[in-house]
Amino acid sequence: MDPRHAFFSRVEETIQQLVERKDRNPQKPVKQHFVPTSYQARFRGDDGLFWAYLLRTNRIHKSDPGRVGYLENLYTLPGAHGNLDYKVEHFFGVVEDKSAPAIEKLLRGEDIKEEERFWICFFWGAAFCRSHDLIRSYRALAGDLKIRELRRKYSSLEETRRWLEAELIEIQDVSAEELFERVHSDDYDIVYETHSVLPALLRLMPRICQILWDSRITALRAPEGKSFVTGDNPVVLMSLDKPGPTGFGKPHTAKVMPLSCEVCLVADGLGEGIRRRPADRDMVRRINLKIASDAQEFILGRSRALISSLVEATGARTRAWTSSFKVS
């Protein structure tokens, strides 16, 4: 193994030990941030506050880190004997703790070791997978797939009669005609609880982190007088060349995450290390527009004028949430 990667064999054990240590803390987290407080703090102005536009209220106001980007028990799982399991929330806390020193070094312009780059990519991948928008989209996708499954199962009135006879113990007081009509109507949704999709997101995360770690990473620094913004979807995908489908596994797709008002990470292609480049004003604007366009709950940054400009330019005032996934 490359000596630079020797730490990798200890990652799983390290995380497990730190999660267990957090789990022994009697203070159980109820307000769980899908956009970490420490991350929000990097977008503050000189007064220690930032400007936030909330899509729900259609208002721009000053706020401080921790006041946006959370839900109660978002990552809490049902445990044994009626107890609640906080290990997912503790896991994300460990990722924040391990990545924070490396992120601060990067923001100061210092050299980054391979292990530190790994933890930065882990934080980056976690930010994508833990977003409330992705969780909601996974829930909607699971519901859509279940509806498709039911419609295939009860594909005709004859098939419905056959299944109804076979499942007589499970389905009572419903005729075959009523069941067939209900299943094929558009008058219902199937809603999955958040905890039912979290395991899928946790399985996705190592793959996302690996893609980022294997990528050519550039730290873009905003020019004087310009700043990056962020939102409830802090990781966005952008086409580098001509417009087209984007995705973590697709070529010519940049994985972009503003890390602070001054610095934005961009991953594309294959490479090692982290190179530093100045960003021109057009690139900062393009990234900010993409962040604002993908926001479903809030946009935040250090300037009211900047946030207001992005809200107007991206039509955020009239935006309605739609799932990131479609069943075709």
Foldseek 3Di string as FASTA:
>chain_A
DPPLCPCVVCVVVVLVVQLVVVQPDPDADFWFALQALVQVQQFADPVSWWWKQFLVVRDIDIDHRPPDRTDTCLPWDQDPPRDIDCSVSSSLVVLCVLQVVLLVCVVVVHFHGLVNQLSVLLNLLSSQLSFPQQLQLQQQVVFVVVLVVLCVCLVDLVSLQVVCVVCVVPDDPAHSVRSNCVSPDPPDIDGDRSNVCVVVSVVVRVVSSVLQSFFAKEKEFEDPPAWAKAASNQWFKDAQDDDDDTDSPDARIWTWGARHRTIIMITHHGDHGYHYDYDYPVVRVVNRLRRLLPHDTMMMHHDPVVRVVSCVVNVSNPDDDDRPDDDD
